[in-house]
Amino acid sequence: MLITDRCLAGEADALVHAVSEAVEGGVTAVQLREKDLLPKELLPLAQRLRIVTRGRAALIVNGPLEVALAAEADGVHLPEHAPMVARPQRPFFIGRSVHSLEAAIAAWAECSDYLIAGPIFETASHPTAAPAGPQLIESIAVAVAIPVLAVGGITVERVGDVLRAGAAGVAVISDILSAQSPANAARRLKNALTEESSPVERVY
């Protein structure tokens, strides 16, 4: 999953281009996360990202459910303490960020479809947050029956660490958006995920 950040990619045009490249390189889900935008500003950007992701990658909106629905997105992503939203009458993902085992268990109980857990390593996007380490992934992965993605300081070299801890995948910001070629960066991460994936069957 690529998580957007206009501060890294540039303004809307540059971000849309970077997302398109990243999807070409193997990103399978894009989370639109631009917390400074009002809903009326977020919707046009979501619609543009829907165009470049449609049929190629899932589009998840970190924002109001109404924006996700209006943009024909595939789901919404919620902060750890945000109230649960009503599930639409169509296939739709509801994900949640968690920072502890207790929050992960609560999110699973309320029928979240996936979790993003972290920050696992030091990360510029949350410089004041203490990294939890792969141990957080390990504790959550054995306690819930939904996919857990690792976030925070994820690089090609660290993919194996989080997969071995039980992560189903990774969520990435800077390793893709700061790259000269988002497509190549996404491709390297995709290859690392493929190479490091365990042959042991997992239940989600």
N, C-alpha and C. Protein backbone atom coordinates (compact mmCIF):
# COMPACT_ATOMS: atom_id res chain seq x y z
N MET A 1 0.84 -1.19 0.00
CA MET A 1 0.00 0.00 0.00
C MET A 1 0.88 1.25 0.00
N LEU A 2 0.61 2.12 -0.93
CA LEU A 2 1.25 3.43 -0.95
C LEU A 2 0.35 4.42 -0.22
N ILE A 3 0.92 5.14 0.74
CA ILE A 3 0.19 6.21 1.44
C ILE A 3 0.67 7.53 0.89
N THR A 4 -0.25 8.38 0.48
CA THR A 4 0.13 9.62 -0.20
C THR A 4 0.63 10.68 0.77
N ASP A 5 1.46 11.57 0.22
CA ASP A 5 1.97 12.73 0.97
C ASP A 5 2.40 13.77 -0.05
N ARG A 6 1.60 14.83 -0.20
CA ARG A 6 1.90 15.86 -1.18
C ARG A 6 3.19 16.61 -0.86
N CYS A 7 3.58 16.63 0.41
CA CYS A 7 4.82 17.32 0.78
C CYS A 7 6.04 16.62 0.17
N LEU A 8 5.94 15.32 -0.04
CA LEU A 8 7.04 14.58 -0.65
C LEU A 8 6.94 14.56 -2.16
N ALA A 9 5.75 14.31 -2.66
CA ALA A 9 5.58 14.14 -4.10
C ALA A 9 5.44 15.45 -4.85
N GLY A 10 5.04 16.51 -4.17
CA GLY A 10 4.71 17.75 -4.84
C GLY A 10 3.21 17.95 -4.78
N GLU A 11 2.72 18.97 -5.43
CA GLU A 11 1.28 19.23 -5.39
C GLU A 11 0.51 18.20 -6.22
N ALA A 12 -0.77 18.45 -6.44
CA ALA A 12 -1.68 17.43 -6.95
C ALA A 12 -1.19 16.76 -8.22
N ASP A 13 -0.74 17.53 -9.21
CA ASP A 13 -0.32 16.94 -10.48
C ASP A 13 0.84 15.97 -10.27
N ALA A 14 1.83 16.39 -9.48
CA ALA A 14 3.00 15.54 -9.24
C ALA A 14 2.60 14.30 -8.45
N LEU A 15 1.69 14.46 -7.50
CA LEU A 15 1.25 13.32 -6.71
C LEU A 15 0.52 12.30 -7.57
N VAL A 16 -0.38 12.77 -8.41
CA VAL A 16 -1.13 11.85 -9.29
C VAL A 16 -0.17 11.10 -10.20
N HIS A 17 0.82 11.80 -10.73
CA HIS A 17 1.81 11.15 -11.60
C HIS A 17 2.60 10.11 -10.82
N ALA A 18 3.02 10.44 -9.60
CA ALA A 18 3.79 9.50 -8.79
C ALA A 18 2.96 8.27 -8.44
N VAL A 19 1.70 8.47 -8.12
CA VAL A 19 0.83 7.34 -7.81
C VAL A 19 0.68 6.44 -9.02
N SER A 20 0.47 7.03 -10.19
CA SER A 20 0.33 6.24 -11.41
C SER A 20 1.59 5.41 -11.66
N GLU A 21 2.76 6.02 -11.46
CA GLU A 21 4.02 5.30 -11.63
C GLU A 21 4.14 4.17 -10.63
N ALA A 22 3.79 4.44 -9.37
CA ALA A 22 3.91 3.43 -8.33
C ALA A 22 3.01 2.23 -8.60
N VAL A 23 1.81 2.50 -9.08
CA VAL A 23 0.90 1.41 -9.43
C VAL A 23 1.48 0.59 -10.58
N GLU A 24 2.07 1.28 -11.54
CA GLU A 24 2.74 0.57 -12.64
C GLU A 24 3.85 -0.33 -12.10
N GLY A 25 4.52 0.12 -11.03
CA GLY A 25 5.61 -0.66 -10.46
C GLY A 25 5.18 -1.80 -9.55
N GLY A 26 3.89 -1.87 -9.22
CA GLY A 26 3.43 -3.01 -8.45
C GLY A 26 2.64 -2.70 -7.20
N VAL A 27 2.41 -1.43 -6.88
CA VAL A 27 1.56 -1.09 -5.73
C VAL A 27 0.15 -1.60 -5.99
N THR A 28 -0.43 -2.27 -5.02
CA THR A 28 -1.76 -2.85 -5.22
C THR A 28 -2.86 -2.11 -4.47
N ALA A 29 -2.47 -1.16 -3.62
CA ALA A 29 -3.46 -0.33 -2.92
C ALA A 29 -2.85 1.04 -2.67
N VAL A 30 -3.68 2.06 -2.80
CA VAL A 30 -3.26 3.44 -2.57
C VAL A 30 -4.17 4.06 -1.52
N GLN A 31 -3.57 4.56 -0.45
CA GLN A 31 -4.34 5.25 0.57
C GLN A 31 -4.14 6.76 0.40
N LEU A 32 -5.21 7.45 0.09
CA LEU A 32 -5.18 8.90 -0.03
C LEU A 32 -5.25 9.48 1.38
N ARG A 33 -4.11 10.01 1.83
CA ARG A 33 -4.04 10.55 3.19
C ARG A 33 -3.46 11.97 3.12
N GLU A 34 -4.33 12.95 3.07
CA GLU A 34 -3.93 14.36 3.01
C GLU A 34 -4.75 15.10 4.05
N LYS A 35 -4.29 15.05 5.29
CA LYS A 35 -5.07 15.50 6.44
C LYS A 35 -5.37 17.00 6.43
N ASP A 36 -4.58 17.77 5.67
CA ASP A 36 -4.77 19.22 5.67
C ASP A 36 -5.87 19.66 4.71
N LEU A 37 -6.39 18.76 3.91
CA LEU A 37 -7.40 19.13 2.91
C LEU A 37 -8.80 18.99 3.49
N LEU A 38 -9.64 19.98 3.20
CA LEU A 38 -11.05 19.89 3.53
C LEU A 38 -11.72 18.88 2.61
N PRO A 39 -12.86 18.33 3.01
CA PRO A 39 -13.54 17.35 2.15
C PRO A 39 -13.76 17.84 0.72
N LYS A 40 -14.11 19.13 0.55
CA LYS A 40 -14.36 19.65 -0.79
C LYS A 40 -13.08 19.74 -1.61
N GLU A 41 -11.91 19.78 -0.93
CA GLU A 41 -10.63 19.76 -1.62
C GLU A 41 -10.12 18.35 -1.83
N LEU A 42 -10.48 17.46 -0.90
CA LEU A 42 -10.03 16.07 -0.98
C LEU A 42 -10.73 15.32 -2.10
N LEU A 43 -12.00 15.61 -2.32
CA LEU A 43 -12.77 14.86 -3.31
C LEU A 43 -12.19 14.97 -4.72
N PRO A 44 -11.86 16.15 -5.24
CA PRO A 44 -11.29 16.20 -6.59
C PRO A 44 -10.00 15.40 -6.72
N LEU A 45 -9.18 15.40 -5.68
CA LEU A 45 -7.94 14.63 -5.72
C LEU A 45 -8.26 13.13 -5.69
N ALA A 46 -9.23 12.75 -4.87
CA ALA A 46 -9.64 11.35 -4.84
C ALA A 46 -10.16 10.89 -6.19
N GLN A 47 -10.90 11.76 -6.87
CA GLN A 47 -11.43 11.41 -8.19
C GLN A 47 -10.32 11.25 -9.22
N ARG A 48 -9.30 12.08 -9.12
CA ARG A 48 -8.17 11.95 -10.03
C ARG A 48 -7.39 10.66 -9.77
N LEU A 49 -7.23 10.32 -8.50
CA LEU A 49 -6.53 9.08 -8.17
C LEU A 49 -7.38 7.86 -8.55
N ARG A 50 -8.68 7.99 -8.50
CA ARG A 50 -9.54 6.90 -8.93
C ARG A 50 -9.31 6.59 -10.40
N ILE A 51 -9.10 7.61 -11.19
CA ILE A 51 -8.86 7.42 -12.63
C ILE A 51 -7.59 6.61 -12.87
N VAL A 52 -6.50 6.92 -12.14
CA VAL A 52 -5.23 6.25 -12.41
C VAL A 52 -5.12 4.91 -11.68
N THR A 53 -6.03 4.63 -10.73
CA THR A 53 -5.98 3.35 -10.03
C THR A 53 -7.05 2.37 -10.48
N ARG A 54 -8.08 2.85 -11.17
CA ARG A 54 -9.22 2.00 -11.50
C ARG A 54 -8.76 0.77 -12.29
N GLY A 55 -9.14 -0.40 -11.80
CA GLY A 55 -8.78 -1.64 -12.47
C GLY A 55 -7.33 -2.05 -12.28
N ARG A 56 -6.58 -1.24 -11.51
CA ARG A 56 -5.15 -1.53 -11.32
C ARG A 56 -4.78 -1.67 -9.86
N ALA A 57 -5.40 -0.89 -9.00
CA ALA A 57 -5.11 -0.93 -7.56
C ALA A 57 -6.31 -0.42 -6.79
N ALA A 58 -6.45 -0.90 -5.56
CA ALA A 58 -7.53 -0.41 -4.69
C ALA A 58 -7.23 1.02 -4.27
N LEU A 59 -8.27 1.83 -4.20
CA LEU A 59 -8.15 3.20 -3.70
C LEU A 59 -8.86 3.30 -2.37
N ILE A 60 -8.12 3.67 -1.34
CA ILE A 60 -8.65 3.82 0.01
C ILE A 60 -8.54 5.28 0.41
N VAL A 61 -9.60 5.84 0.93
CA VAL A 61 -9.60 7.24 1.36
C VAL A 61 -9.47 7.33 2.87
N ASN A 62 -8.44 8.01 3.32
CA ASN A 62 -8.28 8.31 4.74
C ASN A 62 -8.98 9.65 4.96
N GLY A 63 -10.25 9.58 5.23
CA GLY A 63 -11.07 10.78 5.32
C GLY A 63 -12.53 10.41 5.41
N PRO A 64 -13.43 11.36 5.20
CA PRO A 64 -14.86 11.10 5.37
C PRO A 64 -15.37 10.01 4.44
N LEU A 65 -16.29 9.20 4.96
CA LEU A 65 -16.92 8.16 4.15
C LEU A 65 -17.59 8.75 2.92
N GLU A 66 -18.17 9.94 3.07
CA GLU A 66 -18.86 10.57 1.95
C GLU A 66 -17.92 10.84 0.78
N VAL A 67 -16.68 11.22 1.08
CA VAL A 67 -15.70 11.46 0.02
C VAL A 67 -15.36 10.16 -0.68
N ALA A 68 -15.16 9.10 0.10
CA ALA A 68 -14.84 7.80 -0.49
C ALA A 68 -15.95 7.32 -1.41
N LEU A 69 -17.18 7.47 -0.98
CA LEU A 69 -18.31 7.03 -1.79
C LEU A 69 -18.45 7.87 -3.06
N ALA A 70 -18.31 9.18 -2.92
CA ALA A 70 -18.45 10.06 -4.07
C ALA A 70 -17.36 9.81 -5.11
N ALA A 71 -16.18 9.42 -4.65
CA ALA A 71 -15.07 9.16 -5.56
C ALA A 71 -15.07 7.74 -6.09
N GLU A 72 -16.03 6.94 -5.67
CA GLU A 72 -16.12 5.52 -6.06
C GLU A 72 -14.87 4.77 -5.60
N ALA A 73 -14.38 5.13 -4.41
CA ALA A 73 -13.21 4.46 -3.86
C ALA A 73 -13.59 3.06 -3.37
N ASP A 74 -12.56 2.27 -3.08
CA ASP A 74 -12.78 0.89 -2.65
C ASP A 74 -12.88 0.75 -1.14
N GLY A 75 -12.64 1.85 -0.41
CA GLY A 75 -12.73 1.75 1.03
C GLY A 75 -12.31 3.03 1.73
N VAL A 76 -12.37 2.98 3.06
CA VAL A 76 -11.91 4.09 3.89
C VAL A 76 -10.90 3.54 4.89
N HIS A 77 -10.03 4.45 5.37
CA HIS A 77 -9.08 4.09 6.42
C HIS A 77 -9.29 5.02 7.59
N LEU A 78 -9.36 4.45 8.79
CA LEU A 78 -9.69 5.20 9.99
C LEU A 78 -8.51 5.29 10.94
N PRO A 79 -8.34 6.44 11.62
CA PRO A 79 -7.35 6.52 12.70
C PRO A 79 -7.74 5.59 13.85
N GLU A 80 -6.80 5.38 14.75
CA GLU A 80 -7.00 4.40 15.82
C GLU A 80 -8.26 4.66 16.64
N HIS A 81 -8.53 5.93 16.98
CA HIS A 81 -9.63 6.23 17.90
C HIS A 81 -10.87 6.79 17.20
N ALA A 82 -10.90 6.79 15.88
CA ALA A 82 -12.07 7.31 15.17
C ALA A 82 -13.24 6.34 15.30
N PRO A 83 -14.46 6.85 15.33
CA PRO A 83 -15.62 5.95 15.40
C PRO A 83 -15.76 5.12 14.13
N MET A 84 -16.28 3.93 14.28
CA MET A 84 -16.51 3.05 13.13
C MET A 84 -17.56 3.68 12.23
N VAL A 85 -17.46 3.41 10.93
CA VAL A 85 -18.42 3.95 9.96
C VAL A 85 -19.36 2.84 9.50
N ALA A 86 -20.50 3.24 8.98
CA ALA A 86 -21.47 2.29 8.45
C ALA A 86 -20.94 1.72 7.14
N ARG A 87 -21.01 0.42 6.99
CA ARG A 87 -20.50 -0.22 5.78
C ARG A 87 -21.51 -0.07 4.64
N PRO A 88 -21.08 0.45 3.49
CA PRO A 88 -21.99 0.60 2.35
C PRO A 88 -22.49 -0.75 1.84
N GLN A 89 -23.54 -0.70 1.06
CA GLN A 89 -24.12 -1.91 0.50
C GLN A 89 -23.42 -2.29 -0.81
N ARG A 90 -22.13 -2.42 -0.76
CA ARG A 90 -21.32 -2.89 -1.88
C ARG A 90 -19.98 -3.32 -1.32
N PRO A 91 -19.21 -4.10 -2.06
CA PRO A 91 -17.88 -4.48 -1.56
C PRO A 91 -17.07 -3.25 -1.19
N PHE A 92 -16.55 -3.23 0.03
CA PHE A 92 -15.94 -2.01 0.55
C PHE A 92 -15.02 -2.36 1.71
N PHE A 93 -13.78 -1.86 1.66
CA PHE A 93 -12.83 -2.11 2.73
C PHE A 93 -12.94 -1.04 3.82
N ILE A 94 -12.83 -1.47 5.05
CA ILE A 94 -12.69 -0.55 6.17
C ILE A 94 -11.44 -0.96 6.94
N GLY A 95 -10.42 -0.09 6.92
CA GLY A 95 -9.17 -0.37 7.60
C GLY A 95 -8.97 0.59 8.75
N ARG A 96 -8.02 0.26 9.61
CA ARG A 96 -7.77 1.11 10.76
C ARG A 96 -6.28 1.08 11.12
N SER A 97 -5.76 2.24 11.51
CA SER A 97 -4.41 2.32 12.05
C SER A 97 -4.45 1.93 13.52
N VAL A 98 -3.46 1.14 13.96
CA VAL A 98 -3.37 0.76 15.37
C VAL A 98 -1.92 0.88 15.82
N HIS A 99 -1.77 1.14 17.10
CA HIS A 99 -0.43 1.32 17.66
C HIS A 99 -0.19 0.43 18.87
N SER A 100 -1.12 -0.49 19.12
CA SER A 100 -0.97 -1.39 20.26
C SER A 100 -1.77 -2.66 19.99
N LEU A 101 -1.45 -3.70 20.74
CA LEU A 101 -2.19 -4.95 20.63
C LEU A 101 -3.64 -4.76 21.02
N GLU A 102 -3.87 -4.00 22.08
CA GLU A 102 -5.25 -3.78 22.55
C GLU A 102 -6.10 -3.10 21.48
N ALA A 103 -5.53 -2.09 20.80
CA ALA A 103 -6.26 -1.40 19.75
C ALA A 103 -6.53 -2.33 18.57
N ALA A 104 -5.59 -3.21 18.28
CA ALA A 104 -5.77 -4.16 17.17
C ALA A 104 -6.90 -5.13 17.46
N ILE A 105 -6.95 -5.64 18.68
CA ILE A 105 -8.02 -6.57 19.04
C ILE A 105 -9.37 -5.89 18.98
N ALA A 106 -9.44 -4.62 19.43
CA ALA A 106 -10.69 -3.87 19.38
C ALA A 106 -11.12 -3.63 17.94
N ALA A 107 -10.16 -3.32 17.06
CA ALA A 107 -10.48 -3.07 15.65
C ALA A 107 -10.98 -4.33 14.98
N TRP A 108 -10.39 -5.46 15.30
CA TRP A 108 -10.85 -6.73 14.75
C TRP A 108 -12.27 -7.03 15.23
N ALA A 109 -12.55 -6.77 16.51
CA ALA A 109 -13.86 -7.06 17.07
C ALA A 109 -14.96 -6.23 16.41
N GLU A 110 -14.61 -5.03 15.94
CA GLU A 110 -15.63 -4.20 15.30
C GLU A 110 -15.67 -4.42 13.78
N CYS A 111 -15.03 -5.49 13.33
CA CYS A 111 -15.13 -5.94 11.93
C CYS A 111 -14.34 -5.09 10.94
N SER A 112 -13.21 -4.53 11.36
CA SER A 112 -12.29 -3.92 10.39
C SER A 112 -11.79 -5.02 9.46
N ASP A 113 -11.49 -4.65 8.22
CA ASP A 113 -11.05 -5.63 7.24
C ASP A 113 -9.54 -5.83 7.24
N TYR A 114 -8.80 -4.84 7.64
CA TYR A 114 -7.35 -4.94 7.72
C TYR A 114 -6.85 -3.89 8.71
N LEU A 115 -5.62 -4.06 9.15
CA LEU A 115 -5.00 -3.11 10.07
C LEU A 115 -3.66 -2.64 9.52
N ILE A 116 -3.32 -1.40 9.83
CA ILE A 116 -1.98 -0.89 9.59
C ILE A 116 -1.37 -0.60 10.95
N ALA A 117 -0.30 -1.31 11.29
CA ALA A 117 0.30 -1.22 12.62
C ALA A 117 1.66 -0.56 12.55
N GLY A 118 1.91 0.34 13.50
CA GLY A 118 3.20 1.00 13.52
C GLY A 118 3.18 2.22 14.43
N PRO A 119 4.21 3.05 14.36
CA PRO A 119 5.35 2.89 13.45
C PRO A 119 6.29 1.78 13.94
N ILE A 120 6.74 0.96 13.01
CA ILE A 120 7.60 -0.15 13.36
C ILE A 120 9.04 0.32 13.52
N PHE A 121 9.49 1.18 12.61
CA PHE A 121 10.83 1.74 12.69
C PHE A 121 10.72 3.27 12.75
N GLU A 122 11.83 3.93 12.98
CA GLU A 122 11.84 5.39 12.98
C GLU A 122 11.38 5.90 11.62
N THR A 123 10.57 6.96 11.64
CA THR A 123 10.02 7.47 10.39
C THR A 123 9.89 8.98 10.44
N ALA A 124 10.20 9.61 9.32
CA ALA A 124 10.12 11.07 9.24
C ALA A 124 8.68 11.56 9.28
N SER A 125 7.73 10.72 8.90
CA SER A 125 6.33 11.16 8.89
C SER A 125 5.76 11.28 10.30
N HIS A 126 6.35 10.55 11.26
CA HIS A 126 5.93 10.66 12.67
C HIS A 126 7.20 10.71 13.53
N PRO A 127 7.93 11.82 13.47
CA PRO A 127 9.25 11.89 14.11
C PRO A 127 9.23 11.78 15.63
N THR A 128 8.09 12.09 16.26
CA THR A 128 8.04 12.04 17.72
C THR A 128 7.55 10.69 18.25
N ALA A 129 7.12 9.81 17.35
CA ALA A 129 6.59 8.51 17.78
C ALA A 129 7.72 7.52 17.99
N ALA A 130 7.70 6.83 19.11
CA ALA A 130 8.72 5.82 19.39
C ALA A 130 8.46 4.59 18.53
N PRO A 131 9.47 4.09 17.81
CA PRO A 131 9.27 2.90 16.99
C PRO A 131 8.96 1.68 17.85
N ALA A 132 7.98 0.90 17.44
CA ALA A 132 7.55 -0.26 18.22
C ALA A 132 8.36 -1.50 17.91
N GLY A 133 9.00 -1.54 16.73
CA GLY A 133 9.75 -2.72 16.34
C GLY A 133 8.85 -3.81 15.80
N PRO A 134 9.42 -4.80 15.12
CA PRO A 134 8.62 -5.91 14.56
C PRO A 134 7.85 -6.68 15.62
N GLN A 135 8.21 -6.52 16.89
CA GLN A 135 7.50 -7.23 17.95
C GLN A 135 6.02 -6.85 17.98
N LEU A 136 5.69 -5.60 17.60
CA LEU A 136 4.29 -5.20 17.58
C LEU A 136 3.53 -6.01 16.54
N ILE A 137 4.12 -6.17 15.36
CA ILE A 137 3.49 -6.98 14.31
C ILE A 137 3.30 -8.41 14.80
N GLU A 138 4.33 -8.96 15.42
CA GLU A 138 4.27 -10.35 15.89
C GLU A 138 3.13 -10.55 16.88
N SER A 139 2.97 -9.62 17.81
CA SER A 139 1.93 -9.77 18.83
C SER A 139 0.53 -9.64 18.22
N ILE A 140 0.38 -8.74 17.25
CA ILE A 140 -0.93 -8.54 16.64
C ILE A 140 -1.30 -9.68 15.69
N ALA A 141 -0.34 -10.12 14.90
CA ALA A 141 -0.61 -11.12 13.86
C ALA A 141 -1.15 -12.43 14.43
N VAL A 142 -0.72 -12.77 15.64
CA VAL A 142 -1.21 -14.02 16.24
C VAL A 142 -2.52 -13.83 16.99
N ALA A 143 -2.96 -12.57 17.13
CA ALA A 143 -4.14 -12.29 17.95
C ALA A 143 -5.38 -11.96 17.13
N VAL A 144 -5.20 -11.61 15.85
CA VAL A 144 -6.34 -11.25 15.01
C VAL A 144 -6.33 -12.08 13.73
N ALA A 145 -7.49 -12.21 13.12
CA ALA A 145 -7.63 -13.03 11.91
C ALA A 145 -7.91 -12.17 10.68
N ILE A 146 -7.24 -11.02 10.61
CA ILE A 146 -7.32 -10.14 9.44
C ILE A 146 -5.90 -9.71 9.08
N PRO A 147 -5.68 -9.27 7.83
CA PRO A 147 -4.32 -8.87 7.43
C PRO A 147 -3.81 -7.68 8.22
N VAL A 148 -2.53 -7.73 8.55
CA VAL A 148 -1.86 -6.64 9.26
C VAL A 148 -0.72 -6.14 8.38
N LEU A 149 -0.74 -4.85 8.05
CA LEU A 149 0.32 -4.24 7.27
C LEU A 149 1.24 -3.46 8.20
N ALA A 150 2.53 -3.56 7.97
CA ALA A 150 3.51 -2.82 8.77
C ALA A 150 3.75 -1.46 8.14
N VAL A 151 3.87 -0.42 8.97
CA VAL A 151 4.12 0.92 8.48
C VAL A 151 5.17 1.58 9.36
N GLY A 152 5.89 2.52 8.79
CA GLY A 152 6.86 3.30 9.55
C GLY A 152 8.27 2.88 9.26
N GLY A 153 8.96 3.66 8.42
CA GLY A 153 10.35 3.38 8.12
C GLY A 153 10.57 2.12 7.31
N ILE A 154 9.58 1.72 6.54
CA ILE A 154 9.69 0.49 5.75
C ILE A 154 10.58 0.73 4.53
N THR A 155 11.59 -0.11 4.38
CA THR A 155 12.48 -0.09 3.22
C THR A 155 12.60 -1.51 2.68
N VAL A 156 13.22 -1.62 1.52
CA VAL A 156 13.43 -2.95 0.93
C VAL A 156 14.15 -3.86 1.92
N GLU A 157 15.14 -3.31 2.60
CA GLU A 157 15.96 -4.11 3.50
C GLU A 157 15.18 -4.59 4.73
N ARG A 158 14.09 -3.91 5.06
CA ARG A 158 13.33 -4.25 6.26
C ARG A 158 12.08 -5.07 5.98
N VAL A 159 11.78 -5.30 4.72
CA VAL A 159 10.58 -6.07 4.37
C VAL A 159 10.61 -7.45 5.01
N GLY A 160 11.73 -8.12 4.92
CA GLY A 160 11.83 -9.47 5.47
C GLY A 160 11.57 -9.50 6.96
N ASP A 161 12.03 -8.47 7.69
CA ASP A 161 11.85 -8.42 9.14
C ASP A 161 10.37 -8.42 9.51
N VAL A 162 9.58 -7.62 8.80
CA VAL A 162 8.17 -7.51 9.17
C VAL A 162 7.36 -8.69 8.66
N LEU A 163 7.74 -9.25 7.52
CA LEU A 163 7.03 -10.44 7.04
C LEU A 163 7.27 -11.62 7.95
N ARG A 164 8.51 -11.78 8.39
CA ARG A 164 8.80 -12.88 9.31
C ARG A 164 8.09 -12.70 10.65
N ALA A 165 7.78 -11.46 10.99
CA ALA A 165 7.03 -11.20 12.23
C ALA A 165 5.54 -11.47 12.07
N GLY A 166 5.08 -11.67 10.82
CA GLY A 166 3.68 -12.00 10.58
C GLY A 166 2.90 -11.00 9.77
N ALA A 167 3.55 -9.94 9.27
CA ALA A 167 2.83 -8.96 8.46
C ALA A 167 2.37 -9.58 7.14
N ALA A 168 1.20 -9.16 6.69
CA ALA A 168 0.69 -9.60 5.40
C ALA A 168 1.24 -8.75 4.27
N GLY A 169 1.78 -7.59 4.60
CA GLY A 169 2.30 -6.67 3.60
C GLY A 169 2.83 -5.43 4.28
N VAL A 170 3.09 -4.40 3.49
CA VAL A 170 3.66 -3.17 4.04
C VAL A 170 2.91 -1.96 3.49
N ALA A 171 2.93 -0.90 4.27
CA ALA A 171 2.40 0.41 3.85
C ALA A 171 3.58 1.37 3.83
N VAL A 172 3.74 2.09 2.73
CA VAL A 172 4.96 2.86 2.48
C VAL A 172 4.61 4.28 2.05
N ILE A 173 5.40 5.24 2.52
CA ILE A 173 5.27 6.62 2.06
C ILE A 173 6.56 7.04 1.38
N SER A 174 7.56 7.35 2.18
CA SER A 174 8.75 8.02 1.65
C SER A 174 9.60 7.13 0.75
N ASP A 175 9.66 5.84 1.00
CA ASP A 175 10.53 4.99 0.20
C ASP A 175 10.10 4.98 -1.27
N ILE A 176 8.84 5.30 -1.52
CA ILE A 176 8.35 5.39 -2.90
C ILE A 176 8.28 6.84 -3.36
N LEU A 177 7.66 7.72 -2.57
CA LEU A 177 7.43 9.08 -3.02
C LEU A 177 8.69 9.93 -3.04
N SER A 178 9.71 9.55 -2.28
CA SER A 178 10.97 10.30 -2.30
C SER A 178 11.92 9.79 -3.37
N ALA A 179 11.56 8.70 -4.02
CA ALA A 179 12.44 8.10 -5.02
C ALA A 179 12.40 8.88 -6.32
N GLN A 180 13.50 8.84 -7.04
CA GLN A 180 13.54 9.48 -8.35
C GLN A 180 12.56 8.83 -9.30
N SER A 181 12.40 7.51 -9.16
CA SER A 181 11.43 6.77 -9.96
C SER A 181 10.51 6.00 -9.03
N PRO A 182 9.29 6.50 -8.77
CA PRO A 182 8.35 5.75 -7.93
C PRO A 182 8.07 4.35 -8.47
N ALA A 183 8.08 4.20 -9.79
CA ALA A 183 7.82 2.88 -10.37
C ALA A 183 8.91 1.90 -9.99
N ASN A 184 10.17 2.32 -10.10
CA ASN A 184 11.28 1.43 -9.75
C ASN A 184 11.30 1.13 -8.26
N ALA A 185 11.00 2.14 -7.44
CA ALA A 185 10.97 1.93 -5.99
C ALA A 185 9.87 0.93 -5.62
N ALA A 186 8.70 1.09 -6.22
CA ALA A 186 7.60 0.16 -5.96
C ALA A 186 7.97 -1.25 -6.43
N ARG A 187 8.63 -1.33 -7.56
CA ARG A 187 9.02 -2.63 -8.11
C ARG A 187 10.01 -3.35 -7.18
N ARG A 188 10.95 -2.60 -6.60
CA ARG A 188 11.90 -3.21 -5.68
C ARG A 188 11.19 -3.73 -4.43
N LEU A 189 10.26 -2.95 -3.92
CA LEU A 189 9.50 -3.40 -2.75
C LEU A 189 8.65 -4.62 -3.08
N LYS A 190 8.03 -4.60 -4.23
CA LYS A 190 7.20 -5.74 -4.65
C LYS A 190 8.04 -7.01 -4.77
N ASN A 191 9.23 -6.87 -5.36
CA ASN A 191 10.12 -8.02 -5.48
C ASN A 191 10.55 -8.53 -4.11
N ALA A 192 10.83 -7.61 -3.20
CA ALA A 192 11.23 -8.01 -1.85
C ALA A 192 10.10 -8.75 -1.14
N LEU A 193 8.88 -8.28 -1.32
CA LEU A 193 7.73 -8.95 -0.72
C LEU A 193 7.57 -10.35 -1.29
N THR A 194 7.74 -10.48 -2.59
CA THR A 194 7.60 -11.79 -3.23
C THR A 194 8.69 -12.75 -2.77
N GLU A 195 9.90 -12.26 -2.70
CA GLU A 195 11.03 -13.11 -2.32
C GLU A 195 10.98 -13.53 -0.86
N GLU A 196 10.45 -12.63 -0.02
CA GLU A 196 10.47 -12.90 1.42
C GLU A 196 9.21 -13.59 1.92
N SER A 197 8.19 -13.69 1.07
CA SER A 197 6.93 -14.29 1.51
C SER A 197 7.15 -15.73 1.94
N SER A 198 6.55 -16.08 3.06
CA SER A 198 6.70 -17.43 3.58
C SER A 198 5.83 -18.40 2.79
N PRO A 199 6.33 -19.61 2.52
CA PRO A 199 5.50 -20.61 1.86
C PRO A 199 4.44 -21.19 2.78
N VAL A 200 4.54 -20.88 4.08
CA VAL A 200 3.56 -21.40 5.04
C VAL A 200 2.23 -20.69 4.84
N GLU A 201 1.17 -21.44 4.74
CA GLU A 201 -0.17 -20.84 4.52
C GLU A 201 -0.59 -20.05 5.75
N ARG A 202 -1.11 -18.83 5.52
CA ARG A 202 -1.61 -17.99 6.60
C ARG A 202 -3.13 -17.91 6.52
N VAL A 203 -3.74 -17.74 7.64
CA VAL A 203 -5.19 -17.57 7.70
C VAL A 203 -5.49 -16.14 8.09
N TYR A 204 -6.33 -15.47 7.28
CA TYR A 204 -6.70 -14.09 7.56
C TYR A 204 -8.19 -13.99 7.71
